[in-house]
Protein backbone atom coordinates (compact mmCIF):
# COMPACT_ATOMS: atom_id res chain seq x y z
CA MET A 1 -15.48 -49.20 6.31
CA MET A 2 -13.06 -48.24 3.57
CA ASP A 3 -9.81 -50.01 2.78
CA SER A 4 -6.92 -48.26 1.01
CA ALA A 5 -8.06 -49.32 -2.47
CA ALA A 6 -11.56 -47.99 -1.89
CA ASN A 7 -10.24 -44.81 -0.30
CA ALA A 8 -8.00 -44.10 -3.30
CA ARG A 9 -10.97 -44.43 -5.63
CA LEU A 10 -13.57 -42.58 -3.58
CA ALA A 11 -11.64 -39.75 -1.93
CA PRO A 12 -11.51 -37.68 -5.17
CA LEU A 13 -15.32 -37.93 -5.28
CA GLY A 14 -15.57 -36.54 -1.76
CA ILE A 15 -16.61 -39.86 -0.26
CA SER A 16 -14.51 -40.59 2.81
CA HIS A 17 -16.92 -42.60 4.94
CA ALA A 18 -19.27 -45.47 4.16
CA ALA A 19 -20.63 -48.34 6.22
CA ARG A 20 -19.13 -50.79 3.73
CA VAL A 21 -17.64 -50.52 0.25
CA HIS A 22 -17.96 -53.35 -2.27
CA LEU A 23 -15.34 -52.92 -4.98
CA ASN A 24 -15.62 -54.52 -8.44
CA LEU A 25 -17.73 -57.48 -7.36
CA THR A 26 -18.36 -60.26 -9.87
CA PRO A 27 -21.83 -60.73 -11.38
CA ALA A 28 -22.45 -63.74 -9.13
CA GLU A 29 -21.49 -61.71 -6.05
CA LEU A 30 -23.71 -58.81 -7.13
CA VAL A 31 -26.68 -61.12 -7.71
CA GLU A 32 -26.12 -62.56 -4.23
CA GLU A 33 -25.96 -59.05 -2.77
CA ALA A 34 -29.14 -57.97 -4.58
CA LEU A 35 -31.01 -61.02 -3.29
CA ARG A 36 -29.68 -60.52 0.24
CA ARG A 37 -30.88 -56.92 0.22
CA GLY A 38 -34.27 -57.73 -1.28
CA GLU A 39 -33.57 -55.76 -4.45
CA GLY A 40 -34.79 -58.47 -6.82
CA THR A 41 -35.83 -62.05 -7.51
CA LEU A 42 -34.40 -64.74 -9.76
CA THR A 43 -36.41 -65.84 -12.78
CA ASP A 44 -36.53 -69.47 -13.90
CA THR A 45 -33.76 -68.74 -16.43
CA GLY A 46 -31.48 -67.33 -13.73
CA ALA A 47 -31.86 -63.66 -14.64
CA LEU A 48 -32.35 -61.10 -11.88
CA MET A 49 -35.76 -59.38 -11.95
CA ALA A 50 -35.71 -55.90 -10.42
CA ASP A 51 -38.06 -52.92 -10.31
CA THR A 52 -37.03 -49.33 -10.99
CA GLY A 53 -39.66 -47.78 -8.74
CA ALA A 54 -41.72 -44.73 -9.63
CA PHE A 55 -39.67 -44.02 -12.75
CA THR A 56 -39.83 -46.68 -15.46
CA GLY A 57 -37.98 -44.60 -18.04
CA ARG A 58 -35.74 -41.59 -18.34
CA SER A 59 -37.04 -38.22 -17.18
CA PRO A 60 -35.80 -35.74 -19.83
CA LYS A 61 -37.23 -32.70 -18.08
CA ASP A 62 -35.12 -33.54 -15.03
CA ARG A 63 -31.84 -33.88 -16.93
CA PHE A 64 -29.52 -30.92 -16.48
CA VAL A 65 -26.10 -29.75 -17.65
CA VAL A 66 -23.94 -27.51 -15.50
CA LYS A 67 -23.46 -24.17 -17.24
CA ASP A 68 -20.05 -22.67 -16.59
CA ALA A 69 -17.18 -21.02 -18.46
CA ASN A 70 -16.36 -24.27 -20.26
CA THR A 71 -19.86 -25.04 -21.48
CA GLN A 72 -21.72 -21.74 -21.82
CA ASP A 73 -20.71 -21.23 -25.47
CA SER A 74 -20.54 -24.86 -26.61
CA VAL A 75 -23.65 -26.62 -25.28
CA TRP A 76 -26.94 -26.43 -27.19
CA TRP A 77 -29.02 -24.89 -24.37
CA GLY A 78 -32.79 -25.27 -24.26
CA ASP A 79 -35.37 -27.94 -23.51
CA ILE A 80 -32.84 -30.73 -24.24
CA ASN A 81 -29.91 -29.35 -22.25
CA ILE A 82 -31.34 -27.47 -19.29
CA PRO A 83 -28.72 -25.29 -17.56
CA PHE A 84 -27.83 -25.94 -13.93
CA ASP A 85 -25.92 -23.65 -11.59
CA THR A 86 -22.43 -24.78 -10.57
CA ASP A 87 -22.96 -23.78 -6.92
CA LYS A 88 -26.19 -25.79 -6.80
CA PHE A 89 -24.32 -28.77 -8.24
CA ASP A 90 -21.64 -28.53 -5.53
CA GLN A 91 -24.32 -28.25 -2.87
CA LEU A 92 -26.20 -31.27 -4.19
CA HIS A 93 -22.96 -33.26 -4.47
CA GLN A 94 -22.15 -32.64 -0.82
CA LYS A 95 -25.65 -33.63 0.28
CA MET A 96 -25.36 -36.89 -1.69
CA VAL A 97 -21.99 -37.65 -0.11
CA GLN A 98 -23.49 -37.11 3.34
CA TYR A 99 -26.43 -39.34 2.42
CA LEU A 100 -24.06 -42.18 1.46
CA GLU A 101 -21.96 -41.98 4.65
CA ASP A 102 -23.87 -44.69 6.50
CA LYS A 103 -24.73 -46.78 3.46
CA GLU A 104 -23.29 -49.87 1.84
CA ILE A 105 -22.09 -48.78 -1.59
CA TYR A 106 -20.99 -50.61 -4.70
CA VAL A 107 -18.09 -49.25 -6.72
CA ARG A 108 -17.22 -50.30 -10.26
CA ASP A 109 -14.28 -49.49 -12.51
CA ALA A 110 -15.29 -49.72 -16.16
CA TYR A 111 -14.88 -47.89 -19.43
CA ALA A 112 -16.79 -46.83 -22.53
CA GLY A 113 -15.39 -47.15 -26.04
CA ALA A 114 -14.13 -50.42 -27.54
CA ASN A 115 -11.35 -48.61 -29.43
CA PRO A 116 -8.56 -48.11 -26.86
CA ALA A 117 -7.53 -44.81 -28.48
CA TYR A 118 -10.96 -43.36 -27.70
CA GLU A 119 -11.95 -45.06 -24.46
CA LEU A 120 -13.45 -43.15 -21.54
CA LYS A 121 -12.38 -44.52 -18.15
CA LEU A 122 -15.26 -44.62 -15.68
CA ARG A 123 -15.84 -44.95 -11.97
CA VAL A 124 -19.37 -45.69 -10.84
CA VAL A 125 -20.69 -45.46 -7.27
CA ASN A 126 -24.03 -47.17 -6.70
CA GLU A 127 -26.39 -47.35 -3.76
CA LEU A 128 -27.97 -50.53 -5.22
CA ALA A 129 -26.23 -53.79 -5.98
CA TRP A 130 -28.38 -54.48 -9.04
CA HIS A 131 -27.46 -51.08 -10.47
CA ASN A 132 -23.81 -52.05 -10.17
CA LEU A 133 -24.59 -55.29 -12.04
CA PHE A 134 -26.30 -53.16 -14.70
CA CYS A 135 -23.08 -51.16 -15.07
CA TYR A 136 -21.05 -54.38 -15.30
CA ASN A 137 -23.30 -55.51 -18.14
CA MET A 138 -23.64 -52.24 -20.04
CA PHE A 139 -20.17 -50.70 -19.83
CA LEU A 140 -16.98 -52.32 -21.03
CA ARG A 141 -15.24 -54.56 -18.54
CA PRO A 142 -11.48 -54.36 -17.89
CA SER A 143 -9.69 -57.63 -18.58
CA GLU A 144 -9.16 -59.91 -15.60
CA GLY A 145 -6.21 -58.76 -13.53
CA ALA A 146 -5.99 -55.36 -15.24
CA ASP A 147 -4.89 -52.41 -13.13
CA THR A 148 -7.97 -50.23 -12.60
CA SER A 149 -6.50 -47.85 -10.05
CA TRP A 150 -6.79 -45.20 -12.72
CA THR A 151 -7.89 -41.62 -12.47
CA PRO A 152 -11.28 -41.79 -14.15
CA ASP A 153 -12.16 -39.60 -17.09
CA PHE A 154 -15.72 -39.45 -15.75
CA SER A 155 -17.53 -40.63 -12.63
CA ILE A 156 -21.14 -41.41 -11.77
CA ILE A 157 -22.73 -41.22 -8.33
CA CYS A 158 -26.15 -42.84 -8.43
CA ALA A 159 -28.30 -42.89 -5.28
CA PRO A 160 -31.98 -43.60 -6.00
CA GLY A 161 -32.87 -43.21 -2.33
CA PHE A 162 -31.57 -39.64 -2.21
CA GLU A 163 -34.19 -37.07 -3.15
CA ALA A 164 -33.52 -33.42 -3.86
CA ASP A 165 -35.41 -30.52 -2.34
CA PRO A 166 -36.40 -28.53 -5.45
CA ALA A 167 -36.87 -25.29 -3.50
CA VAL A 168 -33.32 -25.51 -2.15
CA ASP A 169 -31.39 -27.56 -4.69
CA GLY A 170 -32.51 -25.99 -7.95
CA THR A 171 -34.04 -29.12 -9.45
CA ARG A 172 -37.52 -29.34 -10.98
CA GLN A 173 -38.63 -32.13 -8.67
CA LYS A 174 -37.09 -34.72 -6.34
CA ASN A 175 -35.38 -36.77 -9.06
CA PHE A 176 -32.49 -35.51 -11.19
CA ALA A 177 -29.63 -36.42 -13.51
CA ILE A 178 -26.96 -33.72 -13.79
CA LEU A 179 -23.91 -33.72 -16.10
CA ASN A 180 -20.91 -31.63 -15.09
CA PHE A 181 -18.35 -31.56 -17.90
CA THR A 182 -15.87 -29.48 -15.92
CA LYS A 183 -15.85 -31.66 -12.79
CA LYS A 184 -16.26 -34.78 -14.98
CA MET A 185 -19.10 -36.13 -12.89
CA ILE A 186 -22.72 -37.21 -13.22
CA LEU A 187 -25.07 -37.05 -10.23
CA ILE A 188 -28.24 -39.16 -10.36
CA GLY A 189 -30.76 -39.26 -7.54
CA GLY A 190 -34.39 -39.91 -6.77
CA THR A 191 -34.84 -42.41 -9.61
CA GLY A 192 -34.17 -46.12 -9.84
CA TYR A 193 -34.23 -46.22 -13.64
CA ALA A 194 -30.84 -47.69 -14.50
CA GLY A 195 -30.89 -46.34 -18.05
CA GLU A 196 -30.11 -42.85 -16.72
CA MET A 197 -26.51 -44.05 -16.13
CA LYS A 198 -26.11 -45.54 -19.58
CA LYS A 199 -27.58 -42.53 -21.35
CA GLY A 200 -25.67 -40.14 -19.11
CA ILE A 201 -22.38 -41.52 -20.42
CA PHE A 202 -23.76 -41.45 -23.97
CA GLY A 203 -24.43 -37.74 -23.46
CA VAL A 204 -20.87 -37.25 -22.23
CA LEU A 205 -19.44 -38.97 -25.32
CA ASN A 206 -21.76 -36.95 -27.56
CA TYR A 207 -20.08 -33.86 -26.15
CA LEU A 208 -16.46 -34.94 -25.84
CA LEU A 209 -15.92 -36.93 -29.05
CA PRO A 210 -16.92 -34.25 -31.58
CA HIS A 211 -15.62 -31.44 -29.38
CA GLU A 212 -12.20 -32.93 -28.63
CA ARG A 213 -11.61 -36.00 -30.81
CA GLU A 214 -13.21 -35.22 -34.22
CA THR A 215 -15.25 -38.41 -33.83
CA LEU A 216 -18.94 -38.68 -34.75
CA PRO A 217 -21.04 -40.27 -31.98
CA MET A 218 -24.09 -42.11 -33.31
CA HIS A 219 -27.30 -43.45 -31.79
CA CYS A 220 -27.44 -46.53 -34.02
CA SER A 221 -26.97 -50.27 -34.25
CA ALA A 222 -24.16 -51.75 -36.34
CA ASN A 223 -23.22 -55.07 -37.88
CA VAL A 224 -20.53 -56.41 -40.19
CA GLY A 225 -20.56 -58.97 -42.99
CA LYS A 226 -18.17 -61.85 -43.59
CA GLU A 227 -16.24 -59.69 -46.06
CA GLY A 228 -15.73 -56.98 -43.44
CA ASP A 229 -18.41 -54.65 -44.83
CA THR A 230 -19.93 -52.58 -42.06
CA ALA A 231 -23.53 -51.34 -41.97
CA ILE A 232 -25.15 -49.00 -39.47
CA PHE A 233 -28.86 -48.55 -38.74
CA PHE A 234 -30.51 -45.41 -37.38
CA GLY A 235 -34.16 -45.38 -36.35
CA LEU A 236 -36.56 -44.27 -33.65
CA SER A 237 -38.73 -46.67 -31.64
CA GLY A 238 -41.03 -48.79 -33.79
CA THR A 239 -39.04 -48.49 -37.01
CA GLY A 240 -37.44 -51.94 -36.80
CA LYS A 241 -33.86 -51.00 -35.92
CA THR A 242 -33.23 -53.97 -33.62
CA THR A 243 -35.05 -56.44 -35.85
CA LEU A 244 -33.40 -55.38 -39.11
CA SER A 245 -29.87 -55.09 -37.73
CA ALA A 246 -30.10 -58.55 -36.12
CA ASP A 247 -28.81 -60.84 -38.85
CA PRO A 248 -27.44 -64.34 -38.16
CA ASN A 249 -25.24 -63.97 -41.25
CA ARG A 250 -23.55 -60.81 -39.97
CA GLY A 251 -21.59 -60.10 -36.81
CA LEU A 252 -23.12 -57.74 -34.26
CA ILE A 253 -20.90 -54.76 -33.41
CA GLY A 254 -23.47 -53.20 -31.11
CA ASP A 255 -27.16 -52.40 -30.78
CA ASP A 256 -27.28 -48.76 -29.68
CA GLU A 257 -24.24 -46.45 -29.48
CA HIS A 258 -21.17 -46.12 -31.69
CA GLY A 259 -18.42 -43.72 -32.71
CA TRP A 260 -16.95 -43.06 -36.19
CA THR A 261 -13.33 -41.97 -35.88
CA PRO A 262 -11.20 -39.66 -38.06
CA ASP A 263 -9.21 -42.68 -39.29
CA ALA A 264 -12.46 -44.14 -40.67
CA GLY A 265 -13.13 -46.91 -38.14
CA ILE A 266 -16.23 -47.37 -35.99
CA PHE A 267 -16.45 -48.77 -32.48
CA ASN A 268 -19.14 -49.66 -29.96
CA PHE A 269 -19.35 -47.46 -26.88
CA GLU A 270 -20.78 -50.22 -24.73
CA GLY A 271 -20.19 -53.73 -23.50
CA GLY A 272 -23.80 -54.85 -23.42
CA CYS A 273 -27.33 -54.53 -24.74
CA TYR A 274 -30.34 -52.84 -23.16
CA ALA A 275 -33.30 -54.22 -25.09
CA LYS A 276 -37.04 -53.84 -24.76
CA VAL A 277 -38.79 -57.09 -23.87
CA ILE A 278 -42.48 -56.23 -24.11
CA ASP A 279 -44.16 -59.14 -25.95
CA LEU A 280 -40.78 -60.84 -26.35
CA SER A 281 -40.88 -64.38 -27.74
CA ALA A 282 -38.31 -66.97 -28.74
CA GLU A 283 -39.72 -66.96 -32.26
CA LYS A 284 -39.55 -63.18 -32.83
CA GLU A 285 -36.28 -62.36 -31.04
CA PRO A 286 -34.35 -65.61 -30.39
CA GLU A 287 -31.04 -63.84 -29.66
CA ILE A 288 -32.54 -61.65 -26.93
CA TRP A 289 -34.66 -64.50 -25.58
CA ASN A 290 -31.63 -66.74 -25.12
CA ALA A 291 -29.54 -63.94 -23.61
CA ILE A 292 -31.85 -63.61 -20.62
CA LYS A 293 -30.02 -65.94 -18.27
CA PHE A 294 -27.87 -65.78 -15.13
CA GLY A 295 -26.07 -62.45 -15.06
CA SER A 296 -28.79 -60.69 -17.06
CA ILE A 297 -31.31 -58.28 -15.60
CA VAL A 298 -34.98 -57.87 -16.44
CA GLU A 299 -36.62 -54.63 -15.37
CA ASN A 300 -40.23 -54.02 -14.35
CA THR A 301 -41.48 -57.39 -15.62
CA ARG A 302 -43.89 -59.72 -13.83
CA PHE A 303 -44.15 -63.49 -13.44
CA VAL A 304 -46.81 -65.81 -14.74
CA PRO A 305 -48.85 -66.35 -11.53
CA GLY A 306 -47.54 -69.22 -9.41
CA THR A 307 -44.24 -69.45 -11.33
CA HIS A 308 -40.93 -67.70 -11.80
CA THR A 309 -41.47 -67.55 -15.56
CA VAL A 310 -41.53 -64.02 -16.93
CA ASP A 311 -44.80 -62.96 -18.54
CA TYR A 312 -43.43 -60.72 -21.29
CA ALA A 313 -46.93 -59.65 -22.33
CA ASN A 314 -47.58 -58.14 -18.89
CA LYS A 315 -47.72 -54.33 -19.11
CA SER A 316 -49.02 -53.74 -15.58
CA VAL A 317 -45.89 -51.81 -14.56
CA THR A 318 -44.91 -50.27 -17.91
CA GLU A 319 -44.61 -51.01 -21.61
CA ASN A 320 -40.94 -50.07 -21.26
CA THR A 321 -39.90 -53.42 -19.79
CA ARG A 322 -36.25 -54.13 -20.55
CA THR A 323 -33.35 -56.51 -20.20
CA ALA A 324 -29.66 -55.72 -19.75
CA TYR A 325 -27.00 -58.31 -20.58
CA PRO A 326 -23.34 -58.43 -21.69
CA ILE A 327 -22.95 -58.31 -25.46
CA ASN A 328 -21.11 -61.63 -25.45
CA TYR A 329 -24.43 -63.26 -24.54
CA ILE A 330 -25.27 -62.76 -28.24
CA PRO A 331 -23.65 -65.60 -30.25
CA ASN A 332 -22.63 -63.51 -33.28
CA ALA A 333 -21.29 -60.52 -31.32
CA ILE A 334 -17.76 -59.55 -32.31
CA GLU A 335 -15.10 -58.67 -29.74
CA PRO A 336 -13.45 -56.27 -29.63
CA ALA A 337 -16.43 -54.37 -31.05
CA VAL A 338 -14.56 -52.41 -33.71
CA ALA A 339 -14.89 -52.43 -37.49
CA ASP A 340 -14.06 -50.49 -40.65
CA ALA A 341 -16.04 -47.46 -41.80
CA PRO A 342 -19.55 -48.33 -42.96
CA LYS A 343 -20.26 -49.15 -46.59
CA ASN A 344 -23.99 -48.65 -46.06
CA ILE A 345 -26.03 -46.45 -43.73
CA PHE A 346 -29.76 -47.05 -43.26
CA PHE A 347 -32.17 -44.42 -41.93
CA LEU A 348 -35.28 -46.34 -40.86
CA THR A 349 -38.67 -44.66 -40.68
CA ALA A 350 -42.17 -46.03 -40.15
CA ASP A 351 -44.01 -43.54 -42.36
CA ALA A 352 -47.64 -43.98 -41.39
CA PHE A 353 -48.69 -41.58 -44.15
CA GLY A 354 -47.57 -44.04 -46.83
CA VAL A 355 -45.70 -41.32 -48.72
CA LEU A 356 -42.02 -42.28 -48.63
CA PRO A 357 -40.64 -45.03 -50.89
CA PRO A 358 -39.85 -48.39 -49.25
CA ILE A 359 -36.19 -47.78 -50.10
CA SER A 360 -34.47 -44.77 -51.63
CA LYS A 361 -30.91 -43.52 -51.97
CA LEU A 362 -29.78 -40.19 -50.50
CA ASP A 363 -27.08 -37.86 -51.73
CA LYS A 364 -25.00 -35.90 -49.23
CA SER A 365 -27.45 -32.99 -48.83
CA HIS A 366 -30.48 -35.24 -48.40
CA ALA A 367 -28.55 -37.48 -46.00
CA MET A 368 -27.63 -34.56 -43.75
CA TYR A 369 -31.15 -33.13 -43.90
CA HIS A 370 -32.88 -36.43 -43.07
CA PHE A 371 -30.28 -37.13 -40.37
CA MET A 372 -31.13 -33.83 -38.72
CA SER A 373 -34.86 -34.46 -39.17
CA GLY A 374 -34.90 -37.99 -37.66
CA TYR A 375 -38.42 -38.68 -38.88
CA THR A 376 -40.93 -41.39 -38.10
CA ALA A 377 -44.69 -41.38 -37.42
CA LYS A 378 -46.86 -42.66 -34.60
CA VAL A 379 -50.14 -44.35 -35.49
CA ALA A 380 -53.53 -44.35 -33.82
CA GLY A 381 -53.64 -46.38 -30.64
CA THR A 382 -49.93 -46.20 -29.81
CA GLU A 383 -50.49 -43.41 -27.28
CA MET A 384 -53.53 -41.91 -25.62
CA GLY A 385 -55.10 -39.15 -27.70
CA ILE A 386 -53.60 -40.22 -31.03
CA THR A 387 -56.45 -40.87 -33.46
CA GLU A 388 -54.58 -40.41 -36.73
CA PRO A 389 -50.92 -40.60 -37.85
CA GLN A 390 -48.65 -38.04 -36.18
CA THR A 391 -45.19 -37.00 -37.25
CA THR A 392 -42.30 -37.48 -34.85
CA PHE A 393 -38.95 -35.79 -35.39
CA SER A 394 -35.84 -36.37 -33.28
CA ALA A 395 -32.62 -34.74 -34.47
CA CYS A 396 -29.93 -37.25 -35.42
CA PHE A 397 -32.34 -39.99 -34.28
CA GLY A 398 -31.55 -39.12 -30.67
CA ALA A 399 -32.15 -35.42 -29.93
CA VAL A 400 -32.45 -35.95 -26.18
CA PHE A 401 -28.80 -37.10 -26.01
CA LEU A 402 -27.19 -34.22 -27.95
CA PRO A 403 -25.24 -31.65 -25.91
CA LEU A 404 -24.12 -29.88 -29.11
CA HIS A 405 -26.28 -28.33 -31.81
CA PRO A 406 -27.58 -30.96 -34.31
CA THR A 407 -25.87 -29.17 -37.21
CA LYS A 408 -22.50 -30.17 -35.73
CA TYR A 409 -23.33 -33.87 -36.01
CA ALA A 410 -24.90 -33.47 -39.46
CA GLU A 411 -21.85 -31.66 -40.79
CA MET A 412 -19.64 -34.42 -39.43
CA LEU A 413 -21.78 -37.00 -41.22
CA GLY A 414 -21.38 -35.05 -44.46
CA GLN A 415 -17.62 -34.96 -43.95
CA LYS A 416 -17.56 -38.72 -43.38
CA MET A 417 -19.47 -39.20 -46.64
CA ASP A 418 -16.85 -37.10 -48.46
CA GLU A 419 -14.02 -39.13 -46.96
CA ASN A 420 -15.48 -42.61 -47.44
CA GLU A 421 -17.32 -44.55 -50.12
CA VAL A 422 -20.64 -44.99 -48.36
CA ASN A 423 -24.23 -45.36 -49.53
CA VAL A 424 -27.01 -43.79 -47.45
CA TRP A 425 -30.47 -45.29 -47.74
CA LEU A 426 -33.85 -44.15 -46.43
CA VAL A 427 -35.96 -47.23 -45.67
CA ASN A 428 -39.69 -46.90 -45.02
CA THR A 429 -40.87 -49.78 -42.83
CA GLY A 430 -44.29 -48.13 -42.50
CA TRP A 431 -47.29 -48.03 -44.79
CA THR A 432 -47.82 -48.67 -48.49
CA GLY A 433 -50.91 -48.31 -50.67
CA GLY A 434 -52.24 -45.42 -48.59
CA SER A 435 -51.95 -43.92 -45.12
CA TYR A 436 -52.61 -45.84 -41.92
CA GLY A 437 -56.21 -47.03 -41.95
CA VAL A 438 -56.27 -47.36 -45.75
CA GLY A 439 -52.96 -48.89 -46.77
CA SER A 440 -51.09 -51.80 -45.20
CA ARG A 441 -47.79 -52.19 -43.36
CA MET A 442 -44.81 -52.96 -45.56
CA LYS A 443 -44.02 -56.67 -45.49
CA LEU A 444 -40.97 -57.41 -43.36
CA SER A 445 -39.77 -59.90 -45.99
CA TYR A 446 -39.70 -57.13 -48.59
CA THR A 447 -37.82 -54.78 -46.28
CA ARG A 448 -35.26 -57.48 -45.51
CA ALA A 449 -34.85 -58.17 -49.25
CA MET A 450 -34.25 -54.47 -49.96
CA ILE A 451 -31.64 -54.16 -47.22
CA THR A 452 -29.93 -57.37 -48.35
CA ALA A 453 -29.84 -56.08 -51.93
CA ALA A 454 -28.25 -52.83 -50.77
CA LEU A 455 -25.70 -54.68 -48.64
CA ASN A 456 -24.78 -57.04 -51.47
CA GLY A 457 -24.29 -54.22 -53.96
CA GLU A 458 -27.18 -55.42 -56.10
CA LEU A 459 -28.53 -51.87 -56.44
CA ASP A 460 -25.25 -50.45 -57.77
CA GLU A 461 -26.21 -50.94 -61.42
CA VAL A 462 -29.97 -50.30 -61.09
CA THR A 463 -31.49 -47.16 -62.59
CA PHE A 464 -33.06 -44.63 -60.22
CA HIS A 465 -35.54 -41.80 -60.61
CA LYS A 466 -35.99 -38.80 -58.33
CA HIS A 467 -39.03 -38.31 -56.10
CA PRO A 468 -40.53 -34.98 -57.25
CA ILE A 469 -41.14 -33.66 -53.73
CA PHE A 470 -38.59 -35.29 -51.42
CA GLY A 471 -35.79 -35.51 -54.01
CA VAL A 472 -34.67 -38.99 -52.93
CA GLU A 473 -33.65 -41.51 -55.59
CA ILE A 474 -36.02 -44.47 -56.10
CA PRO A 475 -34.68 -47.71 -57.62
CA ALA A 476 -36.45 -49.16 -60.64
CA ALA A 477 -35.94 -52.74 -59.45
CA VAL A 478 -34.91 -54.67 -56.32
CA PRO A 479 -34.36 -58.44 -56.38
CA GLY A 480 -37.17 -60.28 -54.60
CA VAL A 481 -39.44 -57.23 -54.37
CA PRO A 482 -42.38 -56.43 -56.70
CA SER A 483 -41.39 -53.42 -58.80
CA GLU A 484 -44.89 -51.92 -58.52
CA ILE A 485 -44.39 -51.14 -54.79
CA LEU A 486 -41.04 -49.33 -55.15
CA ASP A 487 -42.61 -45.94 -55.96
CA ALA A 488 -45.13 -45.20 -53.21
CA ARG A 489 -47.28 -43.12 -55.54
CA ASP A 490 -47.90 -46.14 -57.77
CA THR A 491 -49.44 -48.04 -54.84
CA TRP A 492 -52.16 -45.46 -54.19
CA ALA A 493 -55.51 -45.82 -55.94
CA ASP A 494 -56.10 -42.06 -55.71
CA LYS A 495 -53.00 -40.36 -57.15
CA GLU A 496 -54.25 -36.85 -56.36
CA GLU A 497 -54.72 -37.83 -52.73
CA TYR A 498 -51.14 -39.12 -52.71
CA GLU A 499 -49.86 -35.75 -53.98
CA ARG A 500 -51.83 -33.88 -51.32
CA THR A 501 -50.60 -36.20 -48.55
CA ALA A 502 -46.99 -36.05 -49.75
CA THR A 503 -47.09 -32.25 -49.94
CA ASP A 504 -48.59 -32.07 -46.45
CA LEU A 505 -45.83 -34.30 -45.05
CA ALA A 506 -43.21 -32.16 -46.81
CA HIS A 507 -44.64 -29.06 -45.09
CA LYS A 508 -44.31 -30.87 -41.74
CA PHE A 509 -40.61 -31.55 -42.46
CA ILE A 510 -40.06 -27.89 -43.34
CA ALA A 511 -41.92 -26.64 -40.27
CA ASN A 512 -39.87 -28.90 -38.00
CA PHE A 513 -36.61 -27.72 -39.57
CA LYS A 514 -37.29 -24.02 -39.00
CA LYS A 515 -35.69 -24.18 -35.56
CA TYR A 516 -32.41 -25.29 -37.16
CA ALA A 517 -32.49 -23.22 -40.35
CA ASP A 518 -30.48 -20.26 -39.01
CA TYR A 519 -27.63 -22.62 -38.09
CA ALA A 520 -27.69 -24.97 -41.07
CA LYS A 521 -25.42 -24.47 -44.05
CA ASP A 522 -26.84 -24.21 -47.55
CA GLU A 523 -25.69 -27.75 -48.34
CA ILE A 524 -27.94 -29.13 -45.61
CA LEU A 525 -30.87 -26.89 -46.56
CA ALA A 526 -30.59 -28.15 -50.15
CA GLY A 527 -31.85 -31.54 -48.90
CA ALA A 528 -35.24 -30.12 -47.87
CA PRO A 529 -38.36 -31.35 -49.69
CA LYS A 530 -39.81 -29.09 -52.38
CA ALA A 531 -43.33 -28.76 -51.02
CA GLU A 532 -44.39 -26.37 -53.76
CA VAL A 533 -43.65 -29.02 -56.40
CA VAL A 534 -46.52 -31.38 -57.26
CA ALA A 535 -45.94 -34.16 -59.75
CA SER A 536 -48.33 -34.44 -62.66
CA VAL A 537 -51.10 -36.97 -62.22
């Protein structure tokens, strides 16, 4: 049952029949719909609890990109961007349209990109009401009364109940997420994990912005001080990105995805936050805790028995329990989420080998090299089979979202450094005094003090010395931090063991970078560690 407004929006997507179309419902209406359809339950704070089904996270091996004349020479093909045939895409699209013919569907007009000059207009078609609420929360919302009868720049069709036939449809298994840059469409089926929509659009922006708009897309959080000084934080899971970028004395620009424009400004791609909630407490994460209220979503959580109170320690479904809420649920969020170019960039790593300094300054070559490396380390017990520290590398701190080769993003970062006065810092939130099992985790209070000192310019006049292997610059003093912990080597009882461990980690960096070396310019390669160099004991 489609009225003229729905028909105008859906006809270009091939959808001409549906049992009922719900267009741009409010959060309250979507919560009511989700409850009516049995898609979720209200918690005692008013948030909607919903399950994502068999998939409790993204499925990278089932993410495809249509390979055609427009993408064959521009996309970084391989395990990250798996090619998909255009005819198979068209076939799958038609099957999804047929599947939705007798369904109630939820349609949302939204956009990505808080800077109007760079916004991406979206149209989202959902089989589930709570997925449409997720899109309301995570994408940017047109102002009340705004004309949204636009031609979208990109569309999403998401139908978790539709499963592909791998033998016929060209997928790996029944679930899939397929980006088509020519038809400007994303198809998602067979999975109820809402994050596939959010990250699908991030992948689109990671392709379009550098390719067409000379804008650097970044998988990072960002905040701004009272004097208008912007800082951005890159880091993989477990490095402290959310914790360290959350600062009551600084305004939150965004927690995950941003763009850095040619005219030197940055902007948030999103209108909300998608935060992990495993072991969440009011004491540890008060902003997130208080944001979980009516209009918010919690995924794959469970109640304390006999109550509607969420048991955030419960991992029975997954450790990847999450919440999605509008960014204005955070008191210090700034709107519109735009700011000047960053004065400071922080690369966060949890080095479980205890080799890297707790804070060090990077020149342009080292910044590009470490950006492309995206290093952290997993420790014993974090995953099955891990009995000692293991290196983890993810290009640009988000390899799975990069349609272009990582060198493109690294070169853009280098260009931004040339054009702007910006300091780049490598911050080790991991181990000191030895590797995991011998040393201890760096105190959060020390890490906060180091970041505050960098933000306040207190390291501008400090003397630095170069790490003999990694080449990063180590400060001689940081206010509020014992000077004896600033050079990691000084914290080890066995200095020869430190040299061996540092050299071994350097070799791991070099081995990881081999797959990029043929594409990287000499200026990037100059940032590599010098594994053959061993400092005197």
